[in-house]
Amino acid sequence: MARSMFDGSVPEHTEVLNETRGWILVRHAVSGGWHQLKLAAKIAQPKGNYWLAWNGERLAMSSDAKKLNTYHPDVYDWVVDVMTGLE
């Protein structure tokens, strides 16, 4: 059975932080010192959207962050680099 492929979606009223040819990173909100982020794939991936949180020093190790680090470690590092550069 073939694995389903999805591209991501970007919610309205979000701040685009950075993008590459394959991904777009947006800030959805800030709450309690945590930046709520959404990483969306621009091309079809097995998982098209990742919800992440950044506290100014690190990403919260949510299930999405763990999956991103496992399947796309280069993209995980890119997100950390983008967020570190914004601080």
Protein backbone atom coordinates (compact mmCIF):
# COMPACT_ATOMS: atom_id res chain seq x y z
CA MET A 1 0.00 0.00 0.00
CA ALA A 2 1.37 3.41 -0.97
CA ARG A 3 1.98 5.94 1.76
CA SER A 4 -0.15 9.09 1.58
CA MET A 5 1.65 12.32 0.78
CA PHE A 6 0.59 15.79 1.92
CA ASP A 7 1.69 19.36 1.46
CA GLY A 8 1.24 21.78 4.32
CA SER A 9 -1.11 24.67 4.83
CA VAL A 10 -0.37 28.07 6.32
CA PRO A 11 -3.07 29.60 8.54
CA GLU A 12 -4.19 33.15 7.80
CA HIS A 13 -2.97 35.94 10.07
CA THR A 14 0.40 34.37 10.78
CA GLU A 15 3.85 35.93 10.52
CA VAL A 16 6.14 34.32 7.96
CA LEU A 17 9.52 33.96 9.65
CA ASN A 18 11.47 32.28 6.85
CA GLU A 19 11.11 29.88 3.97
CA THR A 20 13.12 27.58 1.76
CA ARG A 21 12.26 25.92 -1.51
CA GLY A 22 10.53 23.11 0.38
CA TRP A 23 9.33 24.59 3.69
CA ILE A 24 7.73 27.69 5.22
CA LEU A 25 8.02 28.58 8.91
CA VAL A 26 5.39 30.86 10.46
CA ARG A 27 4.72 32.20 13.94
CA HIS A 28 1.14 31.48 14.94
CA ALA A 29 1.14 33.13 18.38
CA VAL A 30 3.21 33.87 21.48
CA SER A 31 1.90 32.62 24.81
CA GLY A 32 3.64 32.38 28.17
CA GLY A 33 7.02 33.09 26.60
CA TRP A 34 6.63 30.32 24.00
CA HIS A 35 6.43 31.09 20.29
CA GLN A 36 3.87 28.78 18.71
CA LEU A 37 5.19 27.87 15.28
CA LYS A 38 3.92 26.00 12.29
CA LEU A 39 6.25 24.45 9.76
CA ALA A 40 4.47 23.64 6.50
CA ALA A 41 5.80 21.64 3.57
CA LYS A 42 5.55 23.29 0.17
CA ILE A 43 5.93 19.94 -1.55
CA ALA A 44 4.26 16.61 -0.83
CA GLN A 45 5.67 14.86 2.24
CA PRO A 46 4.39 11.97 4.37
CA LYS A 47 3.67 14.65 7.02
CA GLY A 48 2.95 18.13 5.65
CA ASN A 49 2.57 20.14 8.87
CA TYR A 50 4.54 20.31 12.09
CA TRP A 51 3.41 22.30 15.15
CA LEU A 52 6.40 23.45 17.18
CA ALA A 53 7.10 25.71 20.18
CA TRP A 54 10.20 27.83 20.87
CA ASN A 55 11.01 29.44 24.24
CA GLY A 56 13.89 31.64 23.13
CA GLU A 57 16.51 28.95 23.72
CA ARG A 58 15.18 25.65 22.43
CA LEU A 59 12.32 23.83 20.77
CA ALA A 60 9.92 22.01 23.05
CA MET A 61 10.31 18.27 22.46
CA SER A 62 6.75 17.66 21.35
CA SER A 63 5.82 14.66 19.25
CA ASP A 64 6.01 16.82 16.10
CA ALA A 65 9.47 18.12 17.04
CA LYS A 66 10.69 14.57 17.63
CA LYS A 67 9.29 13.40 14.28
CA LEU A 68 10.85 16.36 12.48
CA ASN A 69 14.23 15.68 14.10
CA THR A 70 13.99 11.99 13.19
CA TYR A 71 12.82 12.29 9.57
CA HIS A 72 14.21 15.71 8.58
CA PRO A 73 17.12 16.56 10.92
CA ASP A 74 18.43 19.18 8.49
CA VAL A 75 15.08 20.99 8.55
CA TYR A 76 14.97 20.73 12.36
CA ASP A 77 18.40 22.39 12.50
CA TRP A 78 17.22 25.06 10.04
CA VAL A 79 14.24 25.89 12.30
CA VAL A 80 16.56 26.21 15.32
CA ASP A 81 18.91 28.45 13.29
CA VAL A 82 16.03 30.67 12.15
CA MET A 83 14.65 31.04 15.66
CA THR A 84 18.08 31.64 17.20
CA GLY A 85 18.69 34.39 14.66
CA LEU A 86 15.45 36.14 15.62
CA GLU A 87 16.35 36.40 19.31
